[in-house]
N, C-alpha and C. Protein backbone atom coordinates (compact mmCIF):
# COMPACT_ATOMS: atom_id res chain seq x y z
N VAL A 1 -42.16 -106.10 83.33
CA VAL A 1 -43.62 -105.98 83.26
C VAL A 1 -44.16 -105.66 84.65
N GLN A 2 -44.98 -104.64 84.69
CA GLN A 2 -45.57 -104.25 85.98
C GLN A 2 -47.00 -103.80 85.76
N LEU A 3 -47.89 -104.32 86.59
CA LEU A 3 -49.28 -103.89 86.61
C LEU A 3 -49.61 -103.47 88.03
N VAL A 4 -50.05 -102.24 88.18
CA VAL A 4 -50.34 -101.73 89.52
C VAL A 4 -51.80 -101.29 89.56
N GLU A 5 -52.56 -101.99 90.39
CA GLU A 5 -53.99 -101.66 90.55
C GLU A 5 -54.17 -100.68 91.70
N SER A 6 -55.21 -99.89 91.59
CA SER A 6 -55.58 -98.97 92.66
C SER A 6 -57.09 -98.75 92.61
N GLY A 7 -57.61 -98.21 93.69
CA GLY A 7 -59.02 -97.83 93.71
C GLY A 7 -59.93 -98.74 94.51
N GLY A 8 -59.40 -99.82 95.03
CA GLY A 8 -60.22 -100.69 95.86
C GLY A 8 -60.53 -100.04 97.20
N GLY A 9 -61.41 -100.69 97.95
CA GLY A 9 -61.75 -100.16 99.27
C GLY A 9 -63.04 -100.75 99.78
N VAL A 10 -63.58 -100.10 100.78
CA VAL A 10 -64.83 -100.52 101.39
C VAL A 10 -65.93 -99.55 100.99
N VAL A 11 -67.04 -100.09 100.54
CA VAL A 11 -68.15 -99.26 100.09
C VAL A 11 -69.46 -99.89 100.52
N GLN A 12 -70.45 -99.08 100.73
CA GLN A 12 -71.76 -99.60 101.11
C GLN A 12 -72.50 -100.14 99.89
N PRO A 13 -73.42 -101.06 100.11
CA PRO A 13 -74.23 -101.54 98.98
C PRO A 13 -74.88 -100.37 98.24
N GLY A 14 -74.85 -100.47 96.93
CA GLY A 14 -75.38 -99.39 96.10
C GLY A 14 -74.35 -98.33 95.74
N GLY A 15 -73.20 -98.41 96.36
CA GLY A 15 -72.15 -97.43 96.09
C GLY A 15 -71.34 -97.73 94.84
N SER A 16 -70.34 -96.91 94.61
CA SER A 16 -69.50 -97.02 93.41
C SER A 16 -68.03 -97.00 93.78
N LEU A 17 -67.26 -97.64 92.94
CA LEU A 17 -65.80 -97.58 93.01
C LEU A 17 -65.26 -97.58 91.60
N ARG A 18 -64.11 -96.99 91.45
CA ARG A 18 -63.42 -97.02 90.15
C ARG A 18 -62.04 -97.61 90.36
N LEU A 19 -61.79 -98.73 89.72
CA LEU A 19 -60.49 -99.38 89.79
C LEU A 19 -59.65 -98.94 88.59
N SER A 20 -58.38 -98.75 88.85
CA SER A 20 -57.45 -98.39 87.78
C SER A 20 -56.26 -99.33 87.79
N CYS A 21 -55.74 -99.59 86.62
CA CYS A 21 -54.56 -100.44 86.46
C CYS A 21 -53.57 -99.71 85.56
N ALA A 22 -52.40 -99.46 86.09
CA ALA A 22 -51.34 -98.80 85.33
C ALA A 22 -50.33 -99.85 84.91
N ALA A 23 -50.09 -99.93 83.62
CA ALA A 23 -49.18 -100.94 83.07
C ALA A 23 -47.87 -100.29 82.62
N SER A 24 -46.81 -101.05 82.74
CA SER A 24 -45.52 -100.57 82.27
C SER A 24 -44.63 -101.75 81.94
N GLY A 25 -43.65 -101.49 81.09
CA GLY A 25 -42.68 -102.52 80.78
C GLY A 25 -43.00 -103.40 79.58
N PHE A 26 -44.08 -103.10 78.90
CA PHE A 26 -44.43 -103.86 77.70
C PHE A 26 -45.37 -103.01 76.84
N ALA A 27 -45.65 -103.49 75.63
CA ALA A 27 -46.48 -102.74 74.68
C ALA A 27 -47.95 -102.97 75.00
N PHE A 28 -48.44 -102.22 75.94
CA PHE A 28 -49.80 -102.39 76.45
C PHE A 28 -50.85 -102.40 75.34
N SER A 29 -50.70 -101.55 74.38
CA SER A 29 -51.72 -101.40 73.34
C SER A 29 -51.86 -102.64 72.45
N GLU A 30 -50.94 -103.55 72.54
CA GLU A 30 -50.97 -104.75 71.70
C GLU A 30 -51.73 -105.91 72.34
N TYR A 31 -52.23 -105.70 73.54
CA TYR A 31 -52.81 -106.80 74.29
C TYR A 31 -54.25 -106.55 74.72
N ILE A 32 -55.00 -107.62 74.77
CA ILE A 32 -56.32 -107.59 75.41
C ILE A 32 -56.12 -107.30 76.90
N ALA A 33 -57.02 -106.51 77.45
CA ALA A 33 -56.97 -106.20 78.88
C ALA A 33 -58.27 -106.63 79.53
N ARG A 34 -58.20 -107.07 80.73
CA ARG A 34 -59.40 -107.52 81.43
C ARG A 34 -59.24 -107.31 82.92
N TRP A 35 -60.37 -107.30 83.58
CA TRP A 35 -60.43 -107.34 85.03
C TRP A 35 -61.05 -108.67 85.43
N SER A 36 -60.42 -109.32 86.36
CA SER A 36 -60.93 -110.57 86.92
C SER A 36 -61.09 -110.38 88.42
N ARG A 37 -61.80 -111.27 89.05
CA ARG A 37 -61.97 -111.17 90.50
C ARG A 37 -61.99 -112.56 91.12
N GLN A 38 -61.66 -112.60 92.38
CA GLN A 38 -61.72 -113.85 93.12
C GLN A 38 -62.27 -113.56 94.51
N ALA A 39 -63.41 -114.16 94.78
CA ALA A 39 -64.04 -114.04 96.09
C ALA A 39 -63.56 -115.18 96.97
N PRO A 40 -63.63 -115.01 98.28
CA PRO A 40 -63.18 -116.07 99.19
C PRO A 40 -63.89 -117.39 98.92
N GLY A 41 -63.11 -118.44 98.75
CA GLY A 41 -63.68 -119.76 98.54
C GLY A 41 -64.20 -120.02 97.15
N LYS A 42 -64.00 -119.07 96.25
CA LYS A 42 -64.50 -119.23 94.88
C LYS A 42 -63.36 -119.15 93.88
N GLU A 43 -63.63 -119.63 92.68
CA GLU A 43 -62.63 -119.56 91.63
C GLU A 43 -62.56 -118.15 91.05
N ARG A 44 -61.40 -117.84 90.50
CA ARG A 44 -61.25 -116.56 89.84
C ARG A 44 -62.12 -116.52 88.58
N GLU A 45 -62.73 -115.39 88.32
CA GLU A 45 -63.60 -115.25 87.15
C GLU A 45 -63.34 -113.92 86.46
N VAL A 46 -63.55 -113.93 85.16
CA VAL A 46 -63.40 -112.70 84.39
C VAL A 46 -64.61 -111.80 84.64
N VAL A 47 -64.34 -110.55 84.94
CA VAL A 47 -65.40 -109.56 85.14
C VAL A 47 -65.75 -108.89 83.81
N ALA A 48 -64.73 -108.41 83.13
CA ALA A 48 -64.92 -107.70 81.86
C ALA A 48 -63.61 -107.67 81.12
N GLY A 49 -63.70 -107.59 79.80
CA GLY A 49 -62.51 -107.51 78.99
C GLY A 49 -62.69 -106.53 77.85
N ILE A 50 -61.57 -106.03 77.34
CA ILE A 50 -61.60 -105.04 76.27
C ILE A 50 -60.47 -105.35 75.31
N SER A 51 -60.77 -105.26 74.02
CA SER A 51 -59.78 -105.57 73.01
C SER A 51 -58.73 -104.47 72.92
N GLN A 52 -57.74 -104.71 72.07
CA GLN A 52 -56.59 -103.82 72.00
C GLN A 52 -56.97 -102.37 71.68
N THR A 53 -57.91 -102.20 70.76
CA THR A 53 -58.32 -100.84 70.38
C THR A 53 -59.58 -100.38 71.09
N GLY A 54 -60.15 -101.25 71.90
CA GLY A 54 -61.40 -100.91 72.58
C GLY A 54 -62.63 -101.19 71.75
N GLY A 55 -62.45 -101.77 70.57
CA GLY A 55 -63.59 -102.00 69.70
C GLY A 55 -64.47 -103.17 70.12
N VAL A 56 -63.92 -104.06 70.92
CA VAL A 56 -64.70 -105.18 71.43
C VAL A 56 -64.64 -105.16 72.95
N ILE A 57 -65.79 -105.15 73.56
CA ILE A 57 -65.90 -105.16 75.02
C ILE A 57 -66.90 -106.24 75.41
N ALA A 58 -66.59 -106.94 76.45
CA ALA A 58 -67.50 -107.98 76.93
C ALA A 58 -67.53 -107.97 78.44
N TYR A 59 -68.71 -108.30 78.97
CA TYR A 59 -68.92 -108.33 80.41
C TYR A 59 -69.49 -109.67 80.83
N ASN A 60 -69.08 -110.10 81.99
CA ASN A 60 -69.74 -111.24 82.59
C ASN A 60 -71.18 -110.81 82.94
N ASP A 61 -72.05 -111.78 83.03
CA ASP A 61 -73.47 -111.46 83.24
C ASP A 61 -73.69 -110.59 84.48
N PHE A 62 -72.96 -110.86 85.55
CA PHE A 62 -73.19 -110.13 86.79
C PHE A 62 -72.76 -108.67 86.70
N ALA A 63 -71.94 -108.36 85.70
CA ALA A 63 -71.42 -107.01 85.55
C ALA A 63 -72.23 -106.16 84.58
N LEU A 64 -73.05 -106.79 83.78
CA LEU A 64 -73.81 -106.08 82.76
C LEU A 64 -74.69 -105.00 83.38
N GLY A 65 -74.60 -103.80 82.83
CA GLY A 65 -75.43 -102.70 83.29
C GLY A 65 -74.93 -102.01 84.54
N ARG A 66 -73.92 -102.59 85.18
CA ARG A 66 -73.41 -101.97 86.42
C ARG A 66 -71.94 -101.55 86.30
N PHE A 67 -71.17 -102.33 85.56
CA PHE A 67 -69.73 -102.08 85.45
C PHE A 67 -69.40 -101.59 84.05
N THR A 68 -68.36 -100.77 83.94
CA THR A 68 -67.89 -100.29 82.65
C THR A 68 -66.37 -100.38 82.61
N ILE A 69 -65.88 -101.09 81.61
CA ILE A 69 -64.43 -101.19 81.43
C ILE A 69 -64.00 -100.22 80.34
N SER A 70 -62.84 -99.62 80.52
CA SER A 70 -62.30 -98.69 79.52
C SER A 70 -60.78 -98.77 79.55
N ARG A 71 -60.17 -98.34 78.49
CA ARG A 71 -58.71 -98.32 78.45
C ARG A 71 -58.23 -97.05 77.78
N ASP A 72 -57.03 -96.68 78.15
CA ASP A 72 -56.36 -95.53 77.54
C ASP A 72 -54.97 -96.01 77.13
N ASN A 73 -54.81 -96.30 75.87
CA ASN A 73 -53.52 -96.84 75.42
C ASN A 73 -52.40 -95.82 75.53
N ALA A 74 -52.72 -94.55 75.42
CA ALA A 74 -51.69 -93.51 75.56
C ALA A 74 -51.12 -93.49 76.98
N LYS A 75 -51.95 -93.87 77.94
CA LYS A 75 -51.51 -93.90 79.33
C LYS A 75 -51.21 -95.31 79.80
N SER A 76 -51.38 -96.29 78.93
CA SER A 76 -51.18 -97.70 79.31
C SER A 76 -51.97 -98.04 80.56
N SER A 77 -53.25 -97.77 80.49
CA SER A 77 -54.08 -98.02 81.66
C SER A 77 -55.42 -98.63 81.26
N VAL A 78 -55.99 -99.36 82.17
CA VAL A 78 -57.33 -99.91 82.00
C VAL A 78 -58.09 -99.71 83.31
N ASP A 79 -59.31 -99.22 83.19
CA ASP A 79 -60.12 -98.90 84.35
C ASP A 79 -61.37 -99.77 84.39
N LEU A 80 -61.93 -99.88 85.57
CA LEU A 80 -63.21 -100.54 85.75
C LEU A 80 -64.07 -99.68 86.67
N GLN A 81 -65.10 -99.08 86.10
CA GLN A 81 -66.05 -98.31 86.87
C GLN A 81 -67.13 -99.26 87.36
N MET A 82 -67.33 -99.32 88.66
CA MET A 82 -68.31 -100.23 89.24
C MET A 82 -69.37 -99.44 89.98
N ASN A 83 -70.59 -99.58 89.54
CA ASN A 83 -71.73 -98.89 90.14
C ASN A 83 -72.70 -99.91 90.72
N SER A 84 -73.60 -99.43 91.56
CA SER A 84 -74.63 -100.29 92.16
C SER A 84 -74.02 -101.56 92.75
N LEU A 85 -73.00 -101.37 93.52
CA LEU A 85 -72.27 -102.52 94.06
C LEU A 85 -73.11 -103.30 95.05
N LYS A 86 -72.90 -104.60 95.05
CA LYS A 86 -73.64 -105.52 95.91
C LYS A 86 -72.66 -106.26 96.83
N PRO A 87 -73.13 -106.76 97.93
CA PRO A 87 -72.22 -107.53 98.81
C PRO A 87 -71.54 -108.69 98.08
N GLU A 88 -72.22 -109.29 97.14
CA GLU A 88 -71.62 -110.40 96.39
C GLU A 88 -70.52 -109.96 95.44
N ASP A 89 -70.31 -108.66 95.29
CA ASP A 89 -69.19 -108.16 94.50
C ASP A 89 -67.90 -108.11 95.31
N THR A 90 -67.99 -108.41 96.59
CA THR A 90 -66.80 -108.42 97.43
C THR A 90 -65.82 -109.48 96.93
N ALA A 91 -64.60 -109.04 96.65
CA ALA A 91 -63.59 -109.92 96.08
C ALA A 91 -62.29 -109.15 95.94
N VAL A 92 -61.24 -109.88 95.62
CA VAL A 92 -60.01 -109.24 95.18
C VAL A 92 -60.10 -109.12 93.66
N TYR A 93 -59.88 -107.93 93.16
CA TYR A 93 -59.98 -107.65 91.73
C TYR A 93 -58.57 -107.53 91.15
N PHE A 94 -58.39 -108.20 90.03
CA PHE A 94 -57.08 -108.27 89.39
C PHE A 94 -57.13 -107.69 87.98
N CYS A 95 -56.13 -106.94 87.65
CA CYS A 95 -55.90 -106.52 86.28
C CYS A 95 -55.14 -107.66 85.59
N ASN A 96 -55.57 -108.00 84.40
CA ASN A 96 -54.96 -109.13 83.68
C ASN A 96 -54.80 -108.75 82.21
N ILE A 97 -53.63 -108.94 81.68
CA ILE A 97 -53.31 -108.51 80.33
C ILE A 97 -52.84 -109.72 79.51
N GLY A 98 -53.29 -109.77 78.26
CA GLY A 98 -52.83 -110.81 77.36
C GLY A 98 -53.92 -111.81 77.04
N GLY A 99 -53.53 -112.95 76.51
CA GLY A 99 -54.48 -113.97 76.12
C GLY A 99 -55.00 -113.73 74.72
N SER A 100 -55.54 -114.79 74.13
CA SER A 100 -56.01 -114.70 72.74
C SER A 100 -57.46 -114.28 72.64
N GLY A 101 -58.19 -114.30 73.73
CA GLY A 101 -59.59 -113.89 73.74
C GLY A 101 -59.93 -113.26 75.06
N ILE A 102 -61.02 -112.51 75.07
CA ILE A 102 -61.40 -111.79 76.28
C ILE A 102 -61.63 -112.72 77.45
N TRP A 103 -62.14 -113.91 77.20
CA TRP A 103 -62.48 -114.84 78.27
C TRP A 103 -61.31 -115.74 78.66
N ASP A 104 -60.16 -115.55 78.01
CA ASP A 104 -58.96 -116.29 78.39
C ASP A 104 -58.27 -115.60 79.55
N ASN A 105 -57.30 -116.26 80.15
CA ASN A 105 -56.41 -115.61 81.11
C ASN A 105 -55.15 -115.18 80.40
N GLY A 106 -54.76 -113.95 80.63
CA GLY A 106 -53.52 -113.46 80.04
C GLY A 106 -52.33 -113.81 80.91
N ASP A 107 -51.17 -113.50 80.39
CA ASP A 107 -49.94 -113.87 81.08
C ASP A 107 -49.56 -112.91 82.21
N TYR A 108 -50.05 -111.69 82.13
CA TYR A 108 -49.61 -110.67 83.08
C TYR A 108 -50.72 -110.36 84.08
N TRP A 109 -50.36 -110.40 85.35
CA TRP A 109 -51.32 -110.15 86.41
C TRP A 109 -50.83 -109.07 87.35
N GLY A 110 -51.76 -108.26 87.83
CA GLY A 110 -51.44 -107.34 88.90
C GLY A 110 -51.51 -108.05 90.23
N GLN A 111 -51.22 -107.30 91.29
CA GLN A 111 -51.19 -107.89 92.62
C GLN A 111 -52.58 -108.01 93.23
N GLY A 112 -53.54 -107.33 92.65
CA GLY A 112 -54.90 -107.39 93.15
C GLY A 112 -55.23 -106.24 94.08
N THR A 113 -56.49 -105.85 94.07
CA THR A 113 -56.96 -104.82 94.99
C THR A 113 -58.28 -105.29 95.60
N GLN A 114 -58.39 -105.14 96.90
CA GLN A 114 -59.56 -105.65 97.62
C GLN A 114 -60.74 -104.70 97.47
N VAL A 115 -61.87 -105.26 97.13
CA VAL A 115 -63.13 -104.53 97.11
C VAL A 115 -64.07 -105.20 98.11
N THR A 116 -64.54 -104.44 99.06
CA THR A 116 -65.46 -104.95 100.07
C THR A 116 -66.73 -104.13 100.05
N VAL A 117 -67.85 -104.80 99.84
CA VAL A 117 -69.15 -104.13 99.81
C VAL A 117 -69.91 -104.59 101.04
N ALA A 118 -70.10 -103.68 101.97
CA ALA A 118 -70.74 -104.04 103.23
C ALA A 118 -71.34 -102.80 103.87
N SER A 119 -72.40 -103.03 104.61
CA SER A 119 -73.02 -101.92 105.32
C SER A 119 -72.50 -101.88 106.76
């Protein structure tokens, strides 16, 4: 099982980033996919999740209207488009696969990608 995130970086407030997670080694299409984040000194939290077929999508309140999660089962990938970024979005973002519900933690985690929002 391998999850490889990409797309993190440094961006100014109001900017955009697109995170991507490439999965391999398991049947990606059979699992819920989500993006979680952990800011310094804070607990890890779910940002957004998407069901196996994409028919159910949910966002944490802070992500509503700014972030968009999507998946491509043919490519075994899940993306997170982040717009109107704020300094409080600074965190390490993790791709997370599995779990019985979108708000659960799955068994498979990526290594994380740093997102820094600063002027």
